[in-house]
């Protein structure tokens, strides 16, 4: 068990490049992690890390050792976690990242049903509109769209990520008619600023007939959240470009109407992401399967499609 613990300290330190951060994630002290790695180095007879006051980097031997033990260690750790599950059922802390508004509207309402099936799982859910380092930050899964897919991470599609133009009836009745994308130019735009870059993205509209046109709507105001943009548009303050998941309730209630309903922005997919392992921890597999199942049963993919 001492060797297993030492290898765990080595692998986690290599992943994050810091004894202190590895210690935080392992609920140990930095001194304990450093001592454990030093014992492993002594046992192997090689130096695994180059240490300095500012950095911790793998030596050539350390890189080779990490390639040899990294995936096998994760497989063993997952197997232990599965066998340790309460009564053979999925158990443990489930660390998940998801978009703030999307998670609150569409994932959190499923929590009661999920815990009814898997009472031994303890949710640790983080709400953030930025992409997280799934493996490096120790997340079991993440839900979002437009994420880069790093090595060792897989994605399962939940729904398309379409964006649409919406406005209140009062705004549309008091401004010039809109029949084509070019007619948007003089209108007040409520546009979304990217939380990653802080910039207003350049959108390209796509029609049901697969024609394309640039979005000429000028930015009267900007938001970093589609739900806030819907609330703003419902006050008659302009035309908003928003994600369909946040628009559907306003469209259903009549507070907002589609502008150019034959046109939309294809922004990829909303997916659930998790580490690629032959043997996933039971808690992660249970969550992934549950979310995919419930999204399908609720017909959210159809509701979130703009076509």
Protein backbone atom coordinates (compact mmCIF):
# COMPACT_ATOMS: atom_id res chain seq x y z
CA UNK A 1 0.00 0.00 0.00
CA UNK A 2 2.94 2.33 0.62
CA UNK A 3 4.10 1.82 -2.97
CA UNK A 4 0.60 2.46 -4.30
CA UNK A 5 0.38 5.67 -2.26
CA UNK A 6 3.79 6.81 -3.51
CA UNK A 7 2.81 6.17 -7.12
CA UNK A 8 -0.41 8.13 -6.58
CA UNK A 9 1.57 11.08 -5.21
CA UNK A 10 3.93 10.88 -8.20
CA UNK A 11 1.15 10.68 -10.81
CA UNK A 12 -0.87 13.55 -9.34
CA UNK A 13 2.23 15.73 -8.92
CA UNK A 14 3.20 15.05 -12.53
CA UNK A 15 -0.31 15.95 -13.73
CA UNK A 16 -0.41 19.34 -12.01
CA UNK A 17 3.33 20.17 -11.85
CA UNK A 18 3.24 20.94 -8.14
CA UNK A 19 3.59 19.06 -4.87
CA UNK A 20 1.39 21.66 -3.15
CA UNK A 21 -1.49 21.30 -5.65
CA UNK A 22 -1.20 17.51 -5.65
CA UNK A 23 -1.33 17.59 -1.84
CA UNK A 24 -4.48 19.73 -1.91
CA UNK A 25 -6.24 17.25 -4.20
CA UNK A 26 -5.07 14.26 -2.17
CA UNK A 27 -5.94 15.89 1.19
CA UNK A 28 -2.31 15.62 2.31
CA UNK A 29 0.39 18.11 3.22
CA UNK A 30 2.95 19.18 0.57
CA UNK A 31 5.67 17.79 2.81
CA UNK A 32 3.97 14.39 2.89
CA UNK A 33 3.65 14.30 -0.89
CA UNK A 34 7.27 15.34 -1.40
CA UNK A 35 8.46 12.74 1.10
CA UNK A 36 6.39 10.02 -0.56
CA UNK A 37 7.82 10.84 -3.99
CA UNK A 38 11.35 10.92 -2.54
CA UNK A 39 10.82 7.42 -1.10
CA UNK A 40 9.66 6.22 -4.53
CA UNK A 41 12.75 7.73 -6.16
CA UNK A 42 14.97 6.03 -3.60
CA UNK A 43 13.24 2.72 -4.20
CA UNK A 44 13.62 3.05 -7.99
CA UNK A 45 17.13 4.43 -7.81
CA UNK A 46 16.37 7.33 -10.22
CA UNK A 47 15.31 10.96 -9.93
CA UNK A 48 11.78 11.46 -11.27
CA UNK A 49 11.49 15.25 -10.88
CA UNK A 50 13.72 18.25 -11.32
CA UNK A 51 12.87 20.49 -8.37
CA UNK A 52 13.33 24.24 -8.04
CA UNK A 53 11.72 26.93 -5.92
CA UNK A 54 9.47 27.87 -8.85
CA UNK A 55 8.84 24.71 -10.82
CA UNK A 56 8.53 20.96 -10.72
CA UNK A 57 9.32 19.18 -13.99
CA UNK A 58 9.71 15.55 -14.93
CA UNK A 59 13.11 14.18 -15.72
CA UNK A 60 13.53 11.90 -18.73
CA UNK A 61 13.21 8.93 -16.38
CA UNK A 62 10.13 10.52 -14.82
CA UNK A 63 8.48 10.94 -18.23
CA UNK A 64 9.18 7.30 -19.06
CA UNK A 65 7.84 6.12 -15.71
CA UNK A 66 4.67 8.22 -16.08
CA UNK A 67 3.98 6.70 -19.50
CA UNK A 68 4.42 3.24 -18.05
CA UNK A 69 2.30 3.60 -14.91
CA UNK A 70 -0.16 6.46 -15.59
CA UNK A 71 -2.99 4.65 -17.37
CA UNK A 72 -2.52 1.45 -15.36
CA UNK A 73 -2.68 3.40 -12.10
CA UNK A 74 -5.96 5.06 -13.11
CA UNK A 75 -7.43 1.69 -14.08
CA UNK A 76 -6.46 0.17 -10.71
CA UNK A 77 -7.78 3.21 -8.84
CA UNK A 78 -11.10 3.02 -10.65
CA UNK A 79 -11.39 -0.70 -9.99
CA UNK A 80 -10.78 -0.12 -6.26
CA UNK A 81 -13.37 2.67 -6.24
CA UNK A 82 -15.95 0.46 -7.93
CA UNK A 83 -15.41 -2.43 -5.53
CA UNK A 84 -15.56 -0.05 -2.61
CA UNK A 85 -18.96 1.24 -3.66
CA UNK A 86 -21.68 0.88 -1.05
CA UNK A 87 -23.37 -2.49 -1.45
CA UNK A 88 -21.97 -2.82 -4.95
CA UNK A 89 -23.80 0.38 -6.00
CA UNK A 90 -22.09 3.49 -7.44
CA UNK A 91 -20.79 5.65 -4.61
CA UNK A 92 -18.44 8.49 -3.80
CA UNK A 93 -18.03 12.18 -4.55
CA UNK A 94 -19.09 13.11 -8.08
CA UNK A 95 -17.26 16.25 -9.22
CA UNK A 96 -18.98 17.78 -12.27
CA UNK A 97 -18.57 21.11 -14.09
CA UNK A 98 -21.41 22.69 -16.07
CA UNK A 99 -22.49 26.05 -17.43
CA UNK A 100 -24.07 28.24 -14.75
CA UNK A 101 -27.49 28.92 -16.29
CA UNK A 102 -27.69 25.71 -18.32
CA UNK A 103 -26.90 23.58 -15.29
CA UNK A 104 -29.41 25.40 -13.10
CA UNK A 105 -32.20 25.14 -15.67
CA UNK A 106 -31.71 21.64 -17.09
CA UNK A 107 -29.39 19.53 -14.90
CA UNK A 108 -30.10 20.55 -11.30
CA UNK A 109 -33.85 19.73 -11.68
CA UNK A 110 -32.81 16.12 -12.37
CA UNK A 111 -30.79 15.85 -9.16
CA UNK A 112 -33.56 14.42 -6.99
CA UNK A 113 -34.28 11.61 -9.42
CA UNK A 114 -30.57 10.88 -9.82
CA UNK A 115 -30.00 10.63 -6.07
CA UNK A 116 -33.13 8.50 -5.76
CA UNK A 117 -31.41 5.95 -7.98
CA UNK A 118 -27.91 6.39 -6.54
CA UNK A 119 -28.18 7.55 -2.91
CA UNK A 120 -24.54 6.73 -2.13
CA UNK A 121 -23.23 9.34 -4.62
CA UNK A 122 -22.35 12.77 -3.22
CA UNK A 123 -22.64 15.53 -5.86
CA UNK A 124 -19.89 18.15 -5.94
CA UNK A 125 -21.13 20.33 -8.80
CA UNK A 126 -19.30 23.40 -10.08
CA UNK A 127 -21.04 26.05 -12.19
CA UNK A 128 -18.77 27.87 -14.62
CA UNK A 129 -19.13 28.97 -18.23
CA UNK A 130 -15.46 28.38 -18.96
CA UNK A 131 -13.88 25.10 -20.01
CA UNK A 132 -12.19 23.26 -17.18
CA UNK A 133 -9.18 20.97 -17.26
CA UNK A 134 -11.17 17.80 -16.73
CA UNK A 135 -8.27 15.54 -15.83
CA UNK A 136 -5.89 18.07 -14.31
CA UNK A 137 -8.54 19.55 -12.03
CA UNK A 138 -9.93 16.19 -11.01
CA UNK A 139 -13.42 16.45 -12.51
CA UNK A 140 -15.38 13.28 -13.17
CA UNK A 141 -17.45 14.89 -15.94
CA UNK A 142 -18.37 18.20 -17.53
CA UNK A 143 -21.37 19.42 -19.51
CA UNK A 144 -21.03 22.19 -22.05
CA UNK A 145 -20.54 23.21 -25.65
CA UNK A 146 -17.74 24.46 -27.84
CA UNK A 147 -15.04 22.78 -25.77
CA UNK A 148 -11.74 21.66 -27.20
CA UNK A 149 -11.35 17.92 -26.79
CA UNK A 150 -7.99 17.27 -25.10
CA UNK A 151 -6.23 13.93 -25.29
CA UNK A 152 -7.76 11.35 -22.98
CA UNK A 153 -11.22 12.97 -22.91
CA UNK A 154 -14.29 11.78 -24.82
CA UNK A 155 -17.57 13.57 -25.56
CA UNK A 156 -21.12 12.22 -25.87
CA UNK A 157 -23.55 14.50 -27.68
CA UNK A 158 -26.64 15.59 -25.74
CA UNK A 159 -28.17 18.10 -28.15
CA UNK A 160 -27.33 20.56 -30.89
CA UNK A 161 -26.25 24.05 -29.81
CA UNK A 162 -28.28 26.37 -32.01
CA UNK A 163 -28.56 30.12 -31.50
CA UNK A 164 -31.51 32.18 -32.69
CA UNK A 165 -32.57 35.80 -33.01
CA UNK A 166 -35.40 36.85 -30.70
CA UNK A 167 -37.27 40.03 -29.83
CA UNK A 168 -40.46 41.11 -28.09
CA UNK A 169 -43.63 41.77 -30.08
CA UNK A 170 -43.57 45.38 -28.85
CA UNK A 171 -40.10 45.93 -30.28
CA UNK A 172 -40.95 44.36 -33.63
CA UNK A 173 -44.16 46.42 -33.97
CA UNK A 174 -42.32 49.69 -33.33
CA UNK A 175 -39.35 49.15 -35.67
CA UNK A 176 -38.80 48.49 -39.36
CA UNK A 177 -39.83 45.09 -40.70
CA UNK A 178 -37.27 42.31 -41.07
CA UNK A 179 -37.56 39.95 -44.02
CA UNK A 180 -33.92 39.16 -44.85
CA UNK A 181 -30.66 39.08 -42.86
CA UNK A 182 -29.65 42.40 -44.46
CA UNK A 183 -32.68 44.06 -42.82
CA UNK A 184 -31.07 43.60 -39.38
CA UNK A 185 -28.46 46.34 -39.91
CA UNK A 186 -30.37 49.32 -38.43
CA UNK A 187 -31.75 47.42 -35.44
CA UNK A 188 -30.63 47.44 -31.80
CA UNK A 189 -28.58 44.33 -31.11
CA UNK A 190 -28.21 42.52 -27.79
CA UNK A 191 -25.15 40.39 -28.45
CA UNK A 192 -23.26 37.82 -26.41
CA UNK A 193 -19.68 38.43 -25.33
CA UNK A 194 -17.50 35.33 -25.08
CA UNK A 195 -16.67 34.53 -21.42
CA UNK A 196 -13.38 32.99 -22.61
CA UNK A 197 -12.04 35.89 -24.70
CA UNK A 198 -14.25 38.82 -23.70
CA UNK A 199 -14.89 39.54 -27.37
CA UNK A 200 -18.13 39.74 -29.31
CA UNK A 201 -18.17 36.76 -31.63
CA UNK A 202 -18.77 37.11 -35.36
CA UNK A 203 -21.76 34.94 -36.17
CA UNK A 204 -22.73 33.45 -39.51
CA UNK A 205 -26.41 32.80 -40.06
CA UNK A 206 -27.54 29.58 -41.73
CA UNK A 207 -30.94 29.11 -43.34
CA UNK A 208 -33.09 26.00 -43.42
CA UNK A 209 -32.00 25.71 -47.08
CA UNK A 210 -28.33 25.79 -45.95
CA UNK A 211 -27.72 29.28 -47.31
CA UNK A 212 -25.31 31.48 -45.36
CA UNK A 213 -25.25 35.15 -44.47
CA UNK A 214 -23.16 37.23 -42.03
CA UNK A 215 -24.96 38.67 -39.02
CA UNK A 216 -25.17 42.44 -39.61
CA UNK A 217 -26.87 43.28 -36.31
CA UNK A 218 -24.95 46.07 -34.59
CA UNK A 219 -24.17 45.81 -30.89
CA UNK A 220 -26.36 48.22 -28.94
CA UNK A 221 -25.43 46.32 -25.78
CA UNK A 222 -23.55 43.13 -24.87
CA UNK A 223 -24.13 40.39 -22.32
CA UNK A 224 -22.09 37.38 -21.25
CA UNK A 225 -25.17 35.25 -20.60
CA UNK A 226 -28.01 34.17 -22.91
CA UNK A 227 -30.61 34.14 -20.15
CA UNK A 228 -29.82 37.75 -19.28
CA UNK A 229 -30.08 38.63 -22.98
CA UNK A 230 -33.55 37.02 -23.12
CA UNK A 231 -34.71 39.05 -20.12
CA UNK A 232 -33.36 42.21 -21.76
CA UNK A 233 -35.03 41.46 -25.09
CA UNK A 234 -38.34 40.73 -23.34
CA UNK A 235 -38.30 44.37 -22.16
CA UNK A 236 -38.42 45.52 -25.78
CA UNK A 237 -34.84 46.81 -25.80
CA UNK A 238 -33.64 45.11 -28.98
CA UNK A 239 -32.99 41.89 -30.87
CA UNK A 240 -30.96 39.27 -29.03
CA UNK A 241 -28.84 36.43 -30.37
CA UNK A 242 -29.26 33.68 -27.77
CA UNK A 243 -28.86 29.95 -27.27
CA UNK A 244 -32.02 27.93 -27.85
CA UNK A 245 -32.01 26.28 -24.38
CA UNK A 246 -32.54 29.70 -22.82
CA UNK A 247 -34.98 30.95 -25.46
CA UNK A 248 -37.49 28.07 -25.42
CA UNK A 249 -39.43 29.12 -22.31
CA UNK A 250 -39.74 32.71 -23.57
CA UNK A 251 -40.85 31.51 -27.00
CA UNK A 252 -43.36 29.10 -25.47
CA UNK A 253 -44.86 31.85 -23.29
CA UNK A 254 -44.95 34.38 -26.12
CA UNK A 255 -42.72 36.87 -24.28
CA UNK A 256 -40.30 36.60 -27.21
CA UNK A 257 -40.69 35.79 -30.88
CA UNK A 258 -38.24 34.40 -33.38
CA UNK A 259 -36.78 37.00 -35.74
CA UNK A 260 -36.01 35.53 -39.17
CA UNK A 261 -37.36 32.12 -38.04
CA UNK A 262 -35.85 30.40 -41.08
CA UNK A 263 -32.36 31.46 -40.00
CA UNK A 264 -30.18 30.37 -37.08
CA UNK A 265 -26.56 29.95 -35.98
CA UNK A 266 -25.11 26.43 -35.78
CA UNK A 267 -22.81 26.53 -32.76
CA UNK A 268 -21.93 22.84 -32.61
CA UNK A 269 -23.21 20.58 -29.85
CA UNK A 270 -23.81 20.49 -26.13
CA UNK A 271 -22.07 17.36 -24.86
CA UNK A 272 -21.13 15.53 -21.72
CA UNK A 273 -17.36 15.07 -21.35
CA UNK A 274 -15.47 12.53 -19.26
CA UNK A 275 -12.06 10.87 -19.10
CA UNK A 276 -11.50 7.99 -21.47
CA UNK A 277 -11.00 4.87 -19.37
CA UNK A 278 -11.65 1.24 -20.16
CA UNK A 279 -13.03 0.98 -16.65
CA UNK A 280 -14.92 4.14 -15.66
CA UNK A 281 -15.72 4.64 -11.97
CA UNK A 282 -19.25 3.46 -11.28
CA UNK A 283 -20.34 6.93 -10.14
CA UNK A 284 -19.17 8.50 -13.44
CA UNK A 285 -20.74 5.84 -15.63
CA UNK A 286 -24.01 6.13 -13.71
CA UNK A 287 -24.09 9.92 -14.15
CA UNK A 288 -23.19 9.87 -17.86
CA UNK A 289 -25.78 7.21 -18.66
CA UNK A 290 -28.44 8.95 -16.56
CA UNK A 291 -27.96 12.37 -18.20
CA UNK A 292 -27.99 10.91 -21.73
CA UNK A 293 -31.09 8.86 -20.90
CA UNK A 294 -33.07 11.73 -19.34
CA UNK A 295 -32.15 14.27 -22.05
CA UNK A 296 -33.44 11.79 -24.64
CA UNK A 297 -36.65 11.03 -22.68
CA UNK A 298 -37.36 14.74 -22.20
CA UNK A 299 -36.85 15.40 -25.92
CA UNK A 300 -34.46 18.25 -25.21
CA UNK A 301 -32.52 17.72 -28.45
CA UNK A 302 -35.69 18.45 -30.44
CA UNK A 303 -36.67 21.40 -28.22
CA UNK A 304 -33.23 22.97 -28.59
CA UNK A 305 -33.12 22.60 -32.37
CA UNK A 306 -33.86 25.77 -34.35
CA UNK A 307 -34.96 23.87 -37.48
